[in-house]
């Protein structure tokens, strides 16, 4: 059984239908407060992304697994000229992610379906080019199907509630694949929940700092910084923790 089977694609497809029709926004809580701007600033503050206007500013590649339609990938692509790859396994989420890049008027980008031989069987890929020559990729399919063209490509992995959504038995496979996509010394922005109640239930699952040290440390990551509350969310019994992790160099 794949992890996505254990996550129940039918349930998540139904969940996305509710979200996109204006129902319970679940993990999207925080977007109404501009969380993506805080996420970008946090990465810049700690050197995981170059600061805007810095003399040594450079472009990076960001990979976002199980990203839904998070605003951060398109924000980094459009405002800062970085390349991004985002992946989800629910087609409605993939469609919504592509819509994030549409912009207004001439500011939008046009995606094209890829027929490249690098696209594994069962996966779909759409690509688009930005004004700075940067590339956006939106993958749709099972996260646990390795993407050869993404291996060793990412400078930063953006994990917003993805690790906290997968089942416990799938965590080691998830971490091993994230480590393969990330360059040596690359960074991960990991967001997980700190819950006041229901700590043994999920998703979303509850994590302590010690949990992250143990689970991610076993795959060669160290904690650079921990924010007990990275940004505001409306649910008072949850806090959105932020961890900046770094992969060990070779």
Protein backbone atom coordinates (compact mmCIF):
# COMPACT_ATOMS: atom_id res chain seq x y z
CA UNK A 1 0.00 0.00 0.00
CA UNK A 2 1.38 3.43 -0.87
CA UNK A 3 1.28 6.25 1.64
CA UNK A 4 -1.23 8.04 -0.50
CA UNK A 5 -3.50 5.04 -0.34
CA UNK A 6 -3.20 5.07 3.44
CA UNK A 7 -4.04 8.78 3.38
CA UNK A 8 -7.25 7.94 1.46
CA UNK A 9 -7.24 9.96 -1.75
CA UNK A 10 -11.03 9.94 -1.87
CA UNK A 11 -11.25 11.59 1.53
CA UNK A 12 -8.69 14.25 0.62
CA UNK A 13 -10.40 14.93 -2.71
CA UNK A 14 -13.65 15.49 -0.82
CA UNK A 15 -11.83 17.72 1.65
CA UNK A 16 -10.42 19.87 -1.14
CA UNK A 17 -13.88 20.18 -2.66
CA UNK A 18 -15.11 21.59 0.65
CA UNK A 19 -12.17 23.98 0.95
CA UNK A 20 -12.51 25.33 -2.57
CA UNK A 21 -16.26 25.82 -2.15
CA UNK A 22 -15.66 28.07 0.87
CA UNK A 23 -16.11 25.53 3.68
CA UNK A 24 -13.77 24.71 6.56
CA UNK A 25 -10.33 25.93 5.48
CA UNK A 26 -8.42 23.54 7.78
CA UNK A 27 -4.64 23.85 7.23
CA UNK A 28 -5.13 26.99 5.14
CA UNK A 29 -5.80 28.84 8.39
CA UNK A 30 -3.23 31.64 8.47
CA UNK A 31 -3.45 32.65 4.83
CA UNK A 32 -5.94 35.33 5.82
CA UNK A 33 -3.15 36.90 7.89
CA UNK A 34 -0.58 36.90 5.05
CA UNK A 35 1.35 33.90 6.36
CA UNK A 36 3.29 33.51 3.10
CA UNK A 37 4.97 36.89 3.64
CA UNK A 38 6.09 35.78 7.10
CA UNK A 39 7.36 32.48 5.68
CA UNK A 40 9.44 34.24 3.02
CA UNK A 41 10.81 36.76 5.52
CA UNK A 42 11.73 33.98 7.94
CA UNK A 43 13.73 32.15 5.26
CA UNK A 44 15.47 35.38 4.30
CA UNK A 45 16.26 36.34 7.89
CA UNK A 46 18.13 33.07 8.41
CA UNK A 47 19.95 33.01 5.09
CA UNK A 48 18.01 30.14 3.55
CA UNK A 49 16.86 32.58 0.86
CA UNK A 50 18.86 35.62 -0.28
CA UNK A 51 17.68 38.92 1.15
CA UNK A 52 16.04 41.19 -1.47
CA UNK A 53 18.52 43.69 -2.89
CA UNK A 54 21.54 42.06 -1.28
CA UNK A 55 24.79 42.43 -3.19
CA UNK A 56 25.19 38.65 -3.31
CA UNK A 57 21.55 37.94 -4.11
CA UNK A 58 21.10 34.81 -6.19
CA UNK A 59 18.24 32.66 -7.37
CA UNK A 60 17.40 29.34 -5.74
CA UNK A 61 15.16 26.36 -6.36
CA UNK A 62 12.39 25.56 -3.87
CA UNK A 63 10.59 22.21 -3.70
CA UNK A 64 7.21 22.05 -1.92
CA UNK A 65 5.87 18.51 -1.30
CA UNK A 66 2.14 17.94 -0.74
CA UNK A 67 1.79 21.70 -1.07
CA UNK A 68 -1.91 22.03 -1.86
CA UNK A 69 -2.35 25.57 -3.11
CA UNK A 70 -0.05 27.26 -0.60
CA UNK A 71 0.65 30.86 -1.65
CA UNK A 72 4.39 30.75 -0.89
CA UNK A 73 5.64 29.00 -4.06
CA UNK A 74 3.98 31.49 -6.40
CA UNK A 75 5.06 34.38 -4.14
CA UNK A 76 8.71 33.30 -4.36
CA UNK A 77 8.39 32.76 -8.11
CA UNK A 78 6.67 36.03 -9.00
CA UNK A 79 8.12 38.48 -6.48
CA UNK A 80 11.67 37.17 -6.06
CA UNK A 81 12.32 35.29 -9.31
CA UNK A 82 13.11 31.92 -7.72
CA UNK A 83 12.34 28.60 -9.39
CA UNK A 84 9.81 26.38 -7.66
CA UNK A 85 8.43 22.87 -7.87
CA UNK A 86 5.20 22.03 -6.05
CA UNK A 87 3.53 18.66 -5.74
CA UNK A 88 0.18 17.34 -4.59
CA UNK A 89 -1.80 14.17 -5.22
CA UNK A 90 -5.29 15.70 -5.44
CA UNK A 91 -5.98 17.13 -8.88
CA UNK A 92 -8.16 19.95 -7.53
CA UNK A 93 -5.25 21.07 -5.36
CA UNK A 94 -2.87 20.94 -8.33
CA UNK A 95 -5.30 23.03 -10.39
CA UNK A 96 -5.59 25.53 -7.54
CA UNK A 97 -1.82 25.74 -7.24
CA UNK A 98 -1.44 26.57 -10.94
CA UNK A 99 -4.08 29.26 -10.52
CA UNK A 100 -1.88 30.90 -7.87
CA UNK A 101 0.59 31.76 -10.62
CA UNK A 102 -2.00 33.35 -12.93
CA UNK A 103 -1.53 36.85 -11.56
CA UNK A 104 -3.27 39.87 -12.99
CA UNK A 105 -3.04 40.88 -16.61
CA UNK A 106 0.50 40.57 -17.98
CA UNK A 107 1.80 39.44 -14.60
CA UNK A 108 0.56 35.87 -15.00
CA UNK A 109 2.28 32.85 -16.48
CA UNK A 110 0.96 30.16 -18.79
CA UNK A 111 1.48 26.52 -17.86
CA UNK A 112 1.97 23.79 -20.43
CA UNK A 113 1.53 20.08 -19.84
CA UNK A 114 4.84 18.26 -20.17
CA UNK A 115 5.36 15.11 -22.19
CA UNK A 116 8.99 14.77 -21.12
CA UNK A 117 10.42 11.31 -20.65
CA UNK A 118 11.50 12.50 -17.18
CA UNK A 119 7.86 12.35 -16.02
CA UNK A 120 7.31 8.99 -14.30
CA UNK A 121 4.33 6.85 -15.19
CA UNK A 122 1.24 7.93 -13.26
CA UNK A 123 2.55 11.45 -12.67
CA UNK A 124 1.48 14.66 -14.41
CA UNK A 125 3.67 17.75 -14.81
CA UNK A 126 2.92 21.30 -15.87
CA UNK A 127 5.71 23.84 -16.42
CA UNK A 128 5.90 27.59 -16.89
CA UNK A 129 8.64 30.18 -17.37
CA UNK A 130 8.91 33.44 -15.44
CA UNK A 131 10.11 36.87 -16.50
CA UNK A 132 13.53 36.21 -14.94
CA UNK A 133 13.98 32.91 -16.74
CA UNK A 134 12.94 31.05 -13.62
CA UNK A 135 10.80 27.94 -13.87
CA UNK A 136 7.63 26.81 -12.11
CA UNK A 137 6.72 23.14 -12.02
CA UNK A 138 3.49 21.68 -10.69
CA UNK A 139 3.53 17.92 -10.22
CA UNK A 140 0.38 15.89 -9.62
CA UNK A 141 0.57 12.34 -8.35
CA UNK A 142 1.91 10.08 -5.61
CA UNK A 143 4.65 11.79 -3.61
CA UNK A 144 6.39 8.45 -3.11
CA UNK A 145 7.05 8.07 -6.83
CA UNK A 146 10.57 9.44 -7.11
CA UNK A 147 11.01 12.31 -9.56
CA UNK A 148 14.46 11.89 -11.17
CA UNK A 149 14.59 15.49 -12.42
CA UNK A 150 14.10 16.80 -8.87
CA UNK A 151 16.79 14.70 -7.16
CA UNK A 152 19.53 16.91 -5.74
CA UNK A 153 17.97 20.05 -7.23
CA UNK A 154 16.37 21.87 -4.29
CA UNK A 155 18.14 24.54 -2.26
CA UNK A 156 15.10 24.78 0.01
CA UNK A 157 12.24 22.41 0.80
CA UNK A 158 9.03 24.04 1.99
CA UNK A 159 6.90 21.68 4.08
CA UNK A 160 3.75 23.34 5.32
CA UNK A 161 1.82 20.75 7.34
CA UNK A 162 2.81 17.99 4.90
CA UNK A 163 4.93 15.97 7.32
CA UNK A 164 2.19 16.48 9.91
CA UNK A 165 -0.46 15.06 7.58
CA UNK A 166 1.11 11.76 6.60
CA UNK A 167 0.62 8.63 8.68
CA UNK A 168 3.25 7.66 11.23
CA UNK A 169 4.27 4.55 9.32
CA UNK A 170 5.12 6.62 6.24
CA UNK A 171 7.40 9.16 7.90
CA UNK A 172 10.70 7.40 7.28
CA UNK A 173 10.02 7.01 3.55
CA UNK A 174 8.95 10.63 3.37
CA UNK A 175 12.11 11.88 5.07
CA UNK A 176 14.37 9.72 2.94
CA UNK A 177 12.86 11.15 -0.25
CA UNK A 178 12.98 14.76 0.98
CA UNK A 179 16.67 14.25 1.74
CA UNK A 180 17.25 12.99 -1.83
CA UNK A 181 15.63 16.07 -3.37
CA UNK A 182 17.61 18.52 -1.24
CA UNK A 183 21.18 19.60 -1.95
CA UNK A 184 23.86 19.14 0.74
CA UNK A 185 23.64 22.04 3.23
CA UNK A 186 20.18 22.85 1.89
CA UNK A 187 17.37 24.06 4.15
CA UNK A 188 13.89 22.90 5.08
CA UNK A 189 11.15 25.18 6.37
CA UNK A 190 9.02 22.71 8.30
CA UNK A 191 5.67 23.76 9.75
CA UNK A 192 3.88 21.44 12.17
CA UNK A 193 1.21 21.78 14.82
CA UNK A 194 1.61 22.21 18.57
CA UNK A 195 -1.79 21.12 19.89
CA UNK A 196 -3.39 21.66 23.28
CA UNK A 197 -5.72 18.68 22.87
CA UNK A 198 -5.98 15.54 20.79
CA UNK A 199 -2.22 15.13 20.82
CA UNK A 200 -2.38 11.43 19.99
CA UNK A 201 -4.77 11.91 17.07
CA UNK A 202 -4.24 13.20 13.57
CA UNK A 203 -3.89 14.46 11.03
CA UNK A 204 -2.78 17.02 11.75
CA UNK A 205 -0.41 15.33 14.18
CA UNK A 206 1.12 17.00 17.22
CA UNK A 207 4.92 17.38 17.42
CA UNK A 208 7.39 18.51 20.03
CA UNK A 209 10.84 19.91 19.33
CA UNK A 210 12.27 16.63 20.57
CA UNK A 211 10.14 14.71 18.05
CA UNK A 212 11.58 16.76 15.20
CA UNK A 213 15.15 16.42 16.48
CA UNK A 214 14.78 12.64 16.60
CA UNK A 215 12.87 12.04 13.36
CA UNK A 216 14.70 14.49 11.11
CA UNK A 217 18.05 14.07 12.84
CA UNK A 218 18.08 10.40 11.85
CA UNK A 219 18.13 11.54 8.21
CA UNK A 220 21.00 14.00 8.56
CA UNK A 221 19.17 17.21 9.48
CA UNK A 222 19.87 19.63 12.31
CA UNK A 223 17.60 22.30 13.76
CA UNK A 224 18.89 25.78 12.96
CA UNK A 225 15.96 27.63 14.50
CA UNK A 226 12.62 26.88 16.12
CA UNK A 227 9.69 29.29 16.31
CA UNK A 228 6.99 28.02 18.73
CA UNK A 229 4.50 30.21 16.85
CA UNK A 230 5.67 31.21 13.38
CA UNK A 231 2.54 33.21 12.56
CA UNK A 232 -1.00 33.76 13.75
CA UNK A 233 -3.75 31.21 13.17
CA UNK A 234 -7.37 31.59 14.18
CA UNK A 235 -7.73 28.26 15.99
CA UNK A 236 -6.81 28.96 19.59
CA UNK A 237 -5.93 25.36 20.52
CA UNK A 238 -3.25 25.11 17.78
CA UNK A 239 0.05 26.87 17.30
CA UNK A 240 1.84 26.84 13.97
CA UNK A 241 5.39 25.86 14.81
CA UNK A 242 8.18 26.71 12.39
CA UNK A 243 11.44 24.80 12.21
CA UNK A 244 14.35 25.78 10.02
CA UNK A 245 16.36 22.61 9.38
CA UNK A 246 19.60 22.15 7.50
CA UNK A 247 20.83 19.04 5.75
CA UNK A 248 24.38 18.02 6.53
CA UNK A 249 26.94 18.57 3.81
CA UNK A 250 28.69 15.72 2.06
